[in-house]
Amino acid sequence: MNGTATFVSTFQAKLGSERLMQYELERLVSFTRRERTCLYCDLFRLSRDRSTFVVHSVWSGRESWMNRDGWEGHPAGMGLLDQCLQRPIEVVAMEEVA
């Protein structure tokens, strides 16, 4: 998709915080899907590691709030996610080549 910004964000939950993290990420993804420039946003959990969640999002235009602020600057706020995180959120920006 030419002219889009694609991000894969990885969230690692602290032991015992997996359920709370899933709830908070579902809330965050639901809000994100309503963003004007969000084409889609999906939440996954790794099959081999139930404490790791991945958000895949695609935005129209190369300039989005993800480029500037990442999840920490999300308009919905991080809520309880900060308390659940085992390590900092890893955000990878990607561009389509074929």
PDB file of N, CA and C in Angstrom:
ATOM      1  N   MET A   1       0.841  -1.178   0.000  1.00  0.00           N
ATOM      2  CA  MET A   1       0.000   0.000   0.000  1.00  0.00           C
ATOM      3  C   MET A   1       0.885   1.239   0.000  1.00  0.00           C
ATOM      4  N   ASN A   2       1.051   1.808  -1.142  1.00  0.00           N
ATOM      5  CA  ASN A   2       1.879   2.989  -1.260  1.00  0.00           C
ATOM      6  C   ASN A   2       1.250   4.161  -0.507  1.00  0.00           C
ATOM      7  N   GLY A   3       2.080   4.963   0.151  1.00  0.00           N
ATOM      8  CA  GLY A   3       1.569   6.112   0.878  1.00  0.00           C
ATOM      9  C   GLY A   3       1.000   5.777   2.239  1.00  0.00           C
ATOM     10  N   THR A   4       1.399   4.638   2.773  1.00  0.00           N
ATOM     11  CA  THR A   4       0.918   4.247   4.100  1.00  0.00           C
ATOM     12  C   THR A   4       2.093   4.082   5.056  1.00  0.00           C
ATOM     13  N   ALA A   5       1.774   4.092   6.329  1.00  0.00           N
ATOM     14  CA  ALA A   5       2.759   3.819   7.380  1.00  0.00           C
ATOM     15  C   ALA A   5       2.309   2.557   8.102  1.00  0.00           C
ATOM     16  N   THR A   6       3.203   1.580   8.215  1.00  0.00           N
ATOM     17  CA  THR A   6       2.887   0.301   8.844  1.00  0.00           C
ATOM     18  C   THR A   6       3.779   0.109  10.060  1.00  0.00           C
ATOM     19  N   PHE A   7       3.178  -0.347  11.160  1.00  0.00           N
ATOM     20  CA  PHE A   7       3.914  -0.547  12.400  1.00  0.00           C
ATOM     21  C   PHE A   7       3.576  -1.900  13.008  1.00  0.00           C
ATOM     22  N   VAL A   8       4.582  -2.550  13.562  1.00  0.00           N
ATOM     23  CA  VAL A   8       4.396  -3.747  14.359  1.00  0.00           C
ATOM     24  C   VAL A   8       4.961  -3.420  15.738  1.00  0.00           C
ATOM     25  N   SER A   9       4.091  -3.499  16.748  1.00  0.00           N
ATOM     26  CA  SER A   9       4.474  -3.141  18.121  1.00  0.00           C
ATOM     27  C   SER A   9       4.355  -4.364  19.012  1.00  0.00           C
ATOM     28  N   THR A  10       5.402  -4.627  19.795  1.00  0.00           N
ATOM     29  CA  THR A  10       5.439  -5.792  20.665  1.00  0.00           C
ATOM     30  C   THR A  10       5.371  -5.355  22.126  1.00  0.00           C
ATOM     31  N   PHE A  11       4.462  -5.988  22.865  1.00  0.00           N
ATOM     32  CA  PHE A  11       4.234  -5.703  24.281  1.00  0.00           C
ATOM     33  C   PHE A  11       4.483  -6.973  25.071  1.00  0.00           C
ATOM     34  N   GLN A  12       5.394  -6.943  26.032  1.00  0.00           N
ATOM     35  CA  GLN A  12       5.705  -8.096  26.874  1.00  0.00           C
ATOM     36  C   GLN A  12       5.130  -7.866  28.269  1.00  0.00           C
ATOM     37  N   ALA A  13       4.212  -8.735  28.691  1.00  0.00           N
ATOM     38  CA  ALA A  13       3.558  -8.594  29.993  1.00  0.00           C
ATOM     39  C   ALA A  13       4.409  -9.197  31.105  1.00  0.00           C
ATOM     40  N   LYS A  14       4.347  -8.572  32.275  1.00  0.00           N
ATOM     41  CA  LYS A  14       4.953  -9.157  33.465  1.00  0.00           C
ATOM     42  C   LYS A  14       4.189 -10.422  33.831  1.00  0.00           C
ATOM     43  N   LEU A  15       4.862 -11.355  34.462  1.00  0.00           N
ATOM     44  CA  LEU A  15       4.231 -12.584  34.914  1.00  0.00           C
ATOM     45  C   LEU A  15       3.029 -12.254  35.793  1.00  0.00           C
ATOM     46  N   GLY A  16       1.880 -12.818  35.472  1.00  0.00           N
ATOM     47  CA  GLY A  16       0.665 -12.567  36.229  1.00  0.00           C
ATOM     48  C   GLY A  16      -0.143 -11.385  35.738  1.00  0.00           C
ATOM     49  N   SER A  17       0.390 -10.615  34.791  1.00  0.00           N
ATOM     50  CA  SER A  17      -0.307  -9.429  34.280  1.00  0.00           C
ATOM     51  C   SER A  17      -0.869  -9.633  32.875  1.00  0.00           C
ATOM     52  N   GLU A  18      -0.816 -10.860  32.385  1.00  0.00           N
ATOM     53  CA  GLU A  18      -1.218 -11.127  31.006  1.00  0.00           C
ATOM     54  C   GLU A  18      -2.682 -10.772  30.743  1.00  0.00           C
ATOM     55  N   ARG A  19      -3.568 -11.130  31.635  1.00  0.00           N
ATOM     56  CA  ARG A  19      -4.992 -10.871  31.429  1.00  0.00           C
ATOM     57  C   ARG A  19      -5.283  -9.368  31.431  1.00  0.00           C
ATOM     58  N   LEU A  20      -4.671  -8.656  32.370  1.00  0.00           N
ATOM     59  CA  LEU A  20      -4.860  -7.203  32.434  1.00  0.00           C
ATOM     60  C   LEU A  20      -4.284  -6.534  31.184  1.00  0.00           C
ATOM     61  N   MET A  21      -3.109  -6.993  30.739  1.00  0.00           N
ATOM     62  CA  MET A  21      -2.516  -6.410  29.540  1.00  0.00           C
ATOM     63  C   MET A  21      -3.419  -6.646  28.334  1.00  0.00           C
ATOM     64  N   GLN A  22      -3.960  -7.849  28.193  1.00  0.00           N
ATOM     65  CA  GLN A  22      -4.851  -8.114  27.066  1.00  0.00           C
ATOM     66  C   GLN A  22      -6.055  -7.175  27.105  1.00  0.00           C
ATOM     67  N   TYR A  23      -6.647  -6.994  28.259  1.00  0.00           N
ATOM     68  CA  TYR A  23      -7.794  -6.097  28.401  1.00  0.00           C
ATOM     69  C   TYR A  23      -7.415  -4.668  27.985  1.00  0.00           C
ATOM     70  N   GLU A  24      -6.295  -4.185  28.489  1.00  0.00           N
ATOM     71  CA  GLU A  24      -5.865  -2.815  28.181  1.00  0.00           C
ATOM     72  C   GLU A  24      -5.519  -2.652  26.698  1.00  0.00           C
ATOM     73  N   LEU A  25      -4.896  -3.674  26.107  1.00  0.00           N
ATOM     74  CA  LEU A  25      -4.574  -3.593  24.683  1.00  0.00           C
ATOM     75  C   LEU A  25      -5.838  -3.658  23.825  1.00  0.00           C
ATOM     76  N   GLU A  26      -6.811  -4.462  24.225  1.00  0.00           N
ATOM     77  CA  GLU A  26      -8.082  -4.492  23.497  1.00  0.00           C
ATOM     78  C   GLU A  26      -8.731  -3.108  23.517  1.00  0.00           C
ATOM     79  N   ARG A  27      -8.674  -2.437  24.650  1.00  0.00           N
ATOM     80  CA  ARG A  27      -9.219  -1.081  24.781  1.00  0.00           C
ATOM     81  C   ARG A  27      -8.461  -0.110  23.874  1.00  0.00           C
ATOM     82  N   LEU A  28      -7.135  -0.189  23.899  1.00  0.00           N
ATOM     83  CA  LEU A  28      -6.293   0.693  23.107  1.00  0.00           C
ATOM     84  C   LEU A  28      -6.513   0.471  21.606  1.00  0.00           C
ATOM     85  N   VAL A  29      -6.598  -0.784  21.192  1.00  0.00           N
ATOM     86  CA  VAL A  29      -6.813  -1.111  19.784  1.00  0.00           C
ATOM     87  C   VAL A  29      -8.195  -0.640  19.335  1.00  0.00           C
ATOM     88  N   SER A  30      -9.199  -0.822  20.174  1.00  0.00           N
ATOM     89  CA  SER A  30     -10.546  -0.361  19.840  1.00  0.00           C
ATOM     90  C   SER A  30     -10.565   1.141  19.592  1.00  0.00           C
ATOM     91  N   PHE A  31      -9.893   1.893  20.437  1.00  0.00           N
ATOM     92  CA  PHE A  31      -9.804   3.345  20.265  1.00  0.00           C
ATOM     93  C   PHE A  31      -9.027   3.680  18.989  1.00  0.00           C
ATOM     94  N   THR A  32      -7.922   2.971  18.772  1.00  0.00           N
ATOM     95  CA  THR A  32      -7.064   3.228  17.615  1.00  0.00           C
ATOM     96  C   THR A  32      -7.821   3.023  16.311  1.00  0.00           C
ATOM     97  N   ARG A  33      -8.651   1.996  16.254  1.00  0.00           N
ATOM     98  CA  ARG A  33      -9.418   1.714  15.034  1.00  0.00           C
ATOM     99  C   ARG A  33     -10.329   2.870  14.645  1.00  0.00           C
ATOM    100  N   ARG A  34     -10.680   3.712  15.581  1.00  0.00           N
ATOM    101  CA  ARG A  34     -11.554   4.858  15.292  1.00  0.00           C
ATOM    102  C   ARG A  34     -10.774   6.097  14.858  1.00  0.00           C
ATOM    103  N   GLU A  35      -9.438   6.024  14.902  1.00  0.00           N
ATOM    104  CA  GLU A  35      -8.617   7.152  14.456  1.00  0.00           C
ATOM    105  C   GLU A  35      -8.871   7.399  12.967  1.00  0.00           C
ATOM    106  N   ARG A  36      -8.934   8.637  12.581  1.00  0.00           N
ATOM    107  CA  ARG A  36      -9.253   9.034  11.205  1.00  0.00           C
ATOM    108  C   ARG A  36      -8.313   8.405  10.178  1.00  0.00           C
ATOM    109  N   THR A  37      -7.025   8.339  10.458  1.00  0.00           N
ATOM    110  CA  THR A  37      -6.055   7.851   9.478  1.00  0.00           C
ATOM    111  C   THR A  37      -5.691   6.379   9.653  1.00  0.00           C
ATOM    112  N   CYS A  38      -6.334   5.685  10.583  1.00  0.00           N
ATOM    113  CA  CYS A  38      -6.050   4.262  10.797  1.00  0.00           C
ATOM    114  C   CYS A  38      -6.808   3.436   9.768  1.00  0.00           C
ATOM    115  N   LEU A  39      -6.083   2.703   8.935  1.00  0.00           N
ATOM    116  CA  LEU A  39      -6.713   1.817   7.955  1.00  0.00           C
ATOM    117  C   LEU A  39      -7.123   0.509   8.619  1.00  0.00           C
ATOM    118  N   TYR A  40      -6.247  -0.024   9.457  1.00  0.00           N
ATOM    119  CA  TYR A  40      -6.626  -1.152  10.306  1.00  0.00           C
ATOM    120  C   TYR A  40      -5.616  -1.333  11.424  1.00  0.00           C
ATOM    121  N   CYS A  41      -6.072  -2.014  12.457  1.00  0.00           N
ATOM    122  CA  CYS A  41      -5.245  -2.256  13.635  1.00  0.00           C
ATOM    123  C   CYS A  41      -5.710  -3.586  14.233  1.00  0.00           C
ATOM    124  N   ASP A  42      -4.798  -4.545  14.338  1.00  0.00           N
ATOM    125  CA  ASP A  42      -5.129  -5.874  14.840  1.00  0.00           C
ATOM    126  C   ASP A  42      -4.234  -6.237  16.021  1.00  0.00           C
ATOM    127  N   LEU A  43      -4.800  -6.988  16.956  1.00  0.00           N
ATOM    128  CA  LEU A  43      -4.088  -7.431  18.161  1.00  0.00           C
ATOM    129  C   LEU A  43      -3.896  -8.934  18.089  1.00  0.00           C
ATOM    130  N   PHE A  44      -2.683  -9.391  18.359  1.00  0.00           N
ATOM    131  CA  PHE A  44      -2.337 -10.805  18.369  1.00  0.00           C
ATOM    132  C   PHE A  44      -1.636 -11.156  19.677  1.00  0.00           C
ATOM    133  N   ARG A  45      -1.671 -12.441  20.019  1.00  0.00           N
ATOM    134  CA  ARG A  45      -0.882 -12.968  21.131  1.00  0.00           C
ATOM    135  C   ARG A  45      -0.034 -14.101  20.541  1.00  0.00           C
ATOM    136  N   LEU A  46       1.230 -14.162  20.906  1.00  0.00           N
ATOM    137  CA  LEU A  46       2.081 -15.226  20.393  1.00  0.00           C
ATOM    138  C   LEU A  46       1.617 -16.576  20.931  1.00  0.00           C
ATOM    139  N   SER A  47       1.575 -17.571  20.064  1.00  0.00           N
ATOM    140  CA  SER A  47       1.171 -18.921  20.470  1.00  0.00           C
ATOM    141  C   SER A  47       2.208 -19.548  21.387  1.00  0.00           C
ATOM    142  N   ARG A  48       3.465 -19.273  21.137  1.00  0.00           N
ATOM    143  CA  ARG A  48       4.541 -19.906  21.911  1.00  0.00           C
ATOM    144  C   ARG A  48       4.872 -19.168  23.206  1.00  0.00           C
ATOM    145  N   ASP A  49       4.367 -17.944  23.350  1.00  0.00           N
ATOM    146  CA  ASP A  49       4.640 -17.142  24.551  1.00  0.00           C
ATOM    147  C   ASP A  49       3.405 -16.300  24.847  1.00  0.00           C
ATOM    148  N   ARG A  50       2.550 -16.792  25.720  1.00  0.00           N
ATOM    149  CA  ARG A  50       1.254 -16.157  25.997  1.00  0.00           C
ATOM    150  C   ARG A  50       1.375 -14.798  26.680  1.00  0.00           C
ATOM    151  N   SER A  51       2.577 -14.403  27.057  1.00  0.00           N
ATOM    152  CA  SER A  51       2.760 -13.091  27.692  1.00  0.00           C
ATOM    153  C   SER A  51       3.169 -12.012  26.687  1.00  0.00           C
ATOM    154  N   THR A  52       3.307 -12.387  25.418  1.00  0.00           N
ATOM    155  CA  THR A  52       3.729 -11.435  24.393  1.00  0.00           C
ATOM    156  C   THR A  52       2.573 -11.142  23.441  1.00  0.00           C
ATOM    157  N   PHE A  53       2.276  -9.848  23.304  1.00  0.00           N
ATOM    158  CA  PHE A  53       1.208  -9.370  22.438  1.00  0.00           C
ATOM    159  C   PHE A  53       1.823  -8.523  21.329  1.00  0.00           C
ATOM    160  N   VAL A  54       1.204  -8.584  20.154  1.00  0.00           N
ATOM    161  CA  VAL A  54       1.692  -7.828  19.004  1.00  0.00           C
ATOM    162  C   VAL A  54       0.519  -7.061  18.401  1.00  0.00           C
ATOM    163  N   VAL A  55       0.735  -5.772  18.147  1.00  0.00           N
ATOM    164  CA  VAL A  55      -0.258  -4.938  17.475  1.00  0.00           C
ATOM    165  C   VAL A  55       0.299  -4.599  16.096  1.00  0.00           C
ATOM    166  N   HIS A  56      -0.483  -4.904  15.064  1.00  0.00           N
ATOM    167  CA  HIS A  56      -0.120  -4.583  13.686  1.00  0.00           C
ATOM    168  C   HIS A  56      -1.074  -3.494  13.224  1.00  0.00           C
ATOM    169  N   SER A  57      -0.539  -2.350  12.823  1.00  0.00           N
ATOM    170  CA  SER A  57      -1.396  -1.240  12.401  1.00  0.00           C
ATOM    171  C   SER A  57      -0.894  -0.634  11.098  1.00  0.00           C
ATOM    172  N   VAL A  58      -1.843  -0.186  10.296  1.00  0.00           N
ATOM    173  CA  VAL A  58      -1.534   0.473   9.023  1.00  0.00           C
ATOM    174  C   VAL A  58      -2.299   1.783   8.989  1.00  0.00           C
ATOM    175  N   TRP A  59      -1.573   2.830   8.588  1.00  0.00           N
ATOM    176  CA  TRP A  59      -2.104   4.190   8.612  1.00  0.00           C
ATOM    177  C   TRP A  59      -2.006   4.807   7.229  1.00  0.00           C
ATOM    178  N   SER A  60      -2.986   5.618   6.868  1.00  0.00           N
ATOM    179  CA  SER A  60      -2.913   6.340   5.595  1.00  0.00           C
ATOM    180  C   SER A  60      -1.937   7.499   5.766  1.00  0.00           C
ATOM    181  N   GLY A  61      -1.128   7.712   4.754  1.00  0.00           N
ATOM    182  CA  GLY A  61      -0.120   8.770   4.822  1.00  0.00           C
ATOM    183  C   GLY A  61       1.092   8.310   5.613  1.00  0.00           C
ATOM    184  N   ARG A  62       2.206   8.830   5.282  1.00  0.00           N
ATOM    185  CA  ARG A  62       3.449   8.444   5.954  1.00  0.00           C
ATOM    186  C   ARG A  62       3.585   9.087   7.332  1.00  0.00           C
ATOM    187  N   GLU A  63       2.862  10.174   7.559  1.00  0.00           N
ATOM    188  CA  GLU A  63       2.963  10.886   8.835  1.00  0.00           C
ATOM    189  C   GLU A  63       1.760  10.541   9.704  1.00  0.00           C
ATOM    190  N   SER A  64       1.988   9.855  10.790  1.00  0.00           N
ATOM    191  CA  SER A  64       0.915   9.510  11.716  1.00  0.00           C
ATOM    192  C   SER A  64       1.403   9.806  13.127  1.00  0.00           C
ATOM    193  N   TRP A  65       0.490   9.744  14.090  1.00  0.00           N
ATOM    194  CA  TRP A  65       0.898   9.971  15.473  1.00  0.00           C
ATOM    195  C   TRP A  65       1.901   8.924  15.915  1.00  0.00           C
ATOM    196  N   MET A  66       1.878   7.711  15.311  1.00  0.00           N
ATOM    197  CA  MET A  66       2.848   6.673  15.689  1.00  0.00           C
ATOM    198  C   MET A  66       4.267   7.096  15.348  1.00  0.00           C
ATOM    199  N   ASN A  67       4.434   7.831  14.250  1.00  0.00           N
ATOM    200  CA  ASN A  67       5.768   8.305  13.880  1.00  0.00           C
ATOM    201  C   ASN A  67       6.316   9.270  14.924  1.00  0.00           C
ATOM    202  N   ARG A  68       5.433  10.069  15.495  1.00  0.00           N
ATOM    203  CA  ARG A  68       5.880  11.111  16.409  1.00  0.00           C
ATOM    204  C   ARG A  68       5.994  10.634  17.854  1.00  0.00           C
ATOM    205  N   ASP A  69       4.981   9.923  18.331  1.00  0.00           N
ATOM    206  CA  ASP A  69       4.886   9.664  19.752  1.00  0.00           C
ATOM    207  C   ASP A  69       4.939   8.196  20.156  1.00  0.00           C
ATOM    208  N   GLY A  70       4.688   7.291  19.247  1.00  0.00           N
ATOM    209  CA  GLY A  70       4.570   5.889  19.625  1.00  0.00           C
ATOM    210  C   GLY A  70       3.360   5.687  20.514  1.00  0.00           C
ATOM    211  N   TRP A  71       3.266   4.521  21.134  1.00  0.00           N
ATOM    212  CA  TRP A  71       2.107   4.211  21.968  1.00  0.00           C
ATOM    213  C   TRP A  71       2.053   5.084  23.207  1.00  0.00           C
ATOM    214  N   GLU A  72       3.205   5.519  23.718  1.00  0.00           N
ATOM    215  CA  GLU A  72       3.219   6.346  24.921  1.00  0.00           C
ATOM    216  C   GLU A  72       2.451   7.650  24.726  1.00  0.00           C
ATOM    217  N   GLY A  73       2.386   8.127  23.486  1.00  0.00           N
ATOM    218  CA  GLY A  73       1.677   9.364  23.197  1.00  0.00           C
ATOM    219  C   GLY A  73       0.293   9.138  22.618  1.00  0.00           C
ATOM    220  N   HIS A  74      -0.194   7.913  22.720  1.00  0.00           N
ATOM    221  CA  HIS A  74      -1.506   7.592  22.139  1.00  0.00           C
ATOM    222  C   HIS A  74      -2.595   8.437  22.790  1.00  0.00           C
ATOM    223  N   PRO A  75      -3.520   8.955  21.983  1.00  0.00           N
ATOM    224  CA  PRO A  75      -4.592   9.794  22.528  1.00  0.00           C
ATOM    225  C   PRO A  75      -5.442   9.098  23.598  1.00  0.00           C
ATOM    226  N   ALA A  76      -5.529   7.757  23.561  1.00  0.00           N
ATOM    227  CA  ALA A  76      -6.315   7.029  24.571  1.00  0.00           C
ATOM    228  C   ALA A  76      -5.546   6.885  25.874  1.00  0.00           C
ATOM    229  N   GLY A  77      -4.256   7.179  25.844  1.00  0.00           N
ATOM    230  CA  GLY A  77      -3.434   7.022  27.038  1.00  0.00           C
ATOM    231  C   GLY A  77      -3.033   5.579  27.249  1.00  0.00           C
ATOM    232  N   MET A  78      -2.019   5.369  28.042  1.00  0.00           N
ATOM    233  CA  MET A  78      -1.506   4.019  28.277  1.00  0.00           C
ATOM    234  C   MET A  78      -2.259   3.310  29.395  1.00  0.00           C
ATOM    235  N   GLY A  79      -3.048   4.021  30.193  1.00  0.00           N
ATOM    236  CA  GLY A  79      -3.817   3.378  31.252  1.00  0.00           C
ATOM    237  C   GLY A  79      -2.946   2.528  32.153  1.00  0.00           C
ATOM    238  N   LEU A  80      -3.387   1.308  32.387  1.00  0.00           N
ATOM    239  CA  LEU A  80      -2.661   0.386  33.258  1.00  0.00           C
ATOM    240  C   LEU A  80      -1.550  -0.368  32.547  1.00  0.00           C
ATOM    241  N   LEU A  81      -1.398  -0.138  31.234  1.00  0.00           N
ATOM    242  CA  LEU A  81      -0.364  -0.855  30.488  1.00  0.00           C
ATOM    243  C   LEU A  81       1.024  -0.661  31.080  1.00  0.00           C
ATOM    244  N   ASP A  82       1.325   0.540  31.518  1.00  0.00           N
ATOM    245  CA  ASP A  82       2.644   0.807  32.088  1.00  0.00           C
ATOM    246  C   ASP A  82       2.965  -0.137  33.237  1.00  0.00           C
ATOM    247  N   GLN A  83       1.974  -0.463  34.053  1.00  0.00           N
ATOM    248  CA  GLN A  83       2.182  -1.340  35.198  1.00  0.00           C
ATOM    249  C   GLN A  83       2.361  -2.801  34.777  1.00  0.00           C
ATOM    250  N   CYS A  84       1.882  -3.149  33.590  1.00  0.00           N
ATOM    251  CA  CYS A  84       1.932  -4.532  33.110  1.00  0.00           C
ATOM    252  C   CYS A  84       3.198  -4.860  32.331  1.00  0.00           C
ATOM    253  N   LEU A  85       3.900  -3.846  31.856  1.00  0.00           N
ATOM    254  CA  LEU A  85       5.018  -4.072  30.939  1.00  0.00           C
ATOM    255  C   LEU A  85       6.231  -4.679  31.625  1.00  0.00           C
ATOM    256  N   GLN A  86       6.736  -5.767  31.026  1.00  0.00           N
ATOM    257  CA  GLN A  86       7.975  -6.399  31.485  1.00  0.00           C
ATOM    258  C   GLN A  86       9.184  -5.621  30.975  1.00  0.00           C
ATOM    259  N   ARG A  87       9.055  -5.093  29.758  1.00  0.00           N
ATOM    260  CA  ARG A  87      10.142  -4.323  29.126  1.00  0.00           C
ATOM    261  C   ARG A  87       9.506  -3.237  28.265  1.00  0.00           C
ATOM    262  N   PRO A  88      10.285  -2.279  27.810  1.00  0.00           N
ATOM    263  CA  PRO A  88       9.718  -1.206  26.971  1.00  0.00           C
ATOM    264  C   PRO A  88       9.067  -1.771  25.703  1.00  0.00           C
ATOM    265  N   ILE A  89       8.068  -1.068  25.222  1.00  0.00           N
ATOM    266  CA  ILE A  89       7.374  -1.451  23.993  1.00  0.00           C
ATOM    267  C   ILE A  89       8.349  -1.339  22.829  1.00  0.00           C
ATOM    268  N   GLU A  90       8.368  -2.354  21.992  1.00  0.00           N
ATOM    269  CA  GLU A  90       9.209  -2.330  20.796  1.00  0.00           C
ATOM    270  C   GLU A  90       8.324  -1.998  19.603  1.00  0.00           C
ATOM    271  N   VAL A  91       8.615  -0.895  18.921  1.00  0.00           N
ATOM    272  CA  VAL A  91       7.843  -0.473  17.756  1.00  0.00           C
ATOM    273  C   VAL A  91       8.766  -0.520  16.540  1.00  0.00           C
ATOM    274  N   VAL A  92       8.330  -1.260  15.517  1.00  0.00           N
ATOM    275  CA  VAL A  92       9.091  -1.373  14.283  1.00  0.00           C
ATOM    276  C   VAL A  92       8.253  -0.781  13.159  1.00  0.00           C
ATOM    277  N   ALA A  93       8.811   0.202  12.469  1.00  0.00           N
ATOM    278  CA  ALA A  93       8.160   0.796  11.293  1.00  0.00           C
ATOM    279  C   ALA A  93       8.588   0.015  10.063  1.00  0.00           C
ATOM    280  N   MET A  94       7.634  -0.253   9.180  1.00  0.00           N
ATOM    281  CA  MET A  94       7.938  -1.025   7.976  1.00  0.00           C
ATOM    282  C   MET A  94       7.394  -0.303   6.750  1.00  0.00           C
ATOM    283  N   GLU A  95       7.981  -0.595   5.604  1.00  0.00           N
ATOM    284  CA  GLU A  95       7.456  -0.077   4.358  1.00  0.00           C
ATOM    285  C   GLU A  95       7.327  -1.222   3.366  1.00  0.00           C
ATOM    286  N   GLU A  96       6.248  -1.190   2.600  1.00  0.00           N
ATOM    287  CA  GLU A  96       5.985  -2.241   1.631  1.00  0.00           C
ATOM    288  C   GLU A  96       6.921  -2.095   0.432  1.00  0.00           C
ATOM    289  N   VAL A  97       7.485  -3.208  -0.014  1.00  0.00           N
ATOM    290  CA  VAL A  97       8.393  -3.157  -1.166  1.00  0.00           C
ATOM    291  C   VAL A  97       7.866  -3.950  -2.357  1.00  0.00           C
ATOM    292  N   ALA A  98       6.927  -4.815  -2.149  1.00  0.00           N
ATOM    293  CA  ALA A  98       6.365  -5.601  -3.269  1.00  0.00           C
ATOM    294  C   ALA A  98       4.950  -6.017  -2.951  1.00  0.00           C
TER     295      ALA A  98
END
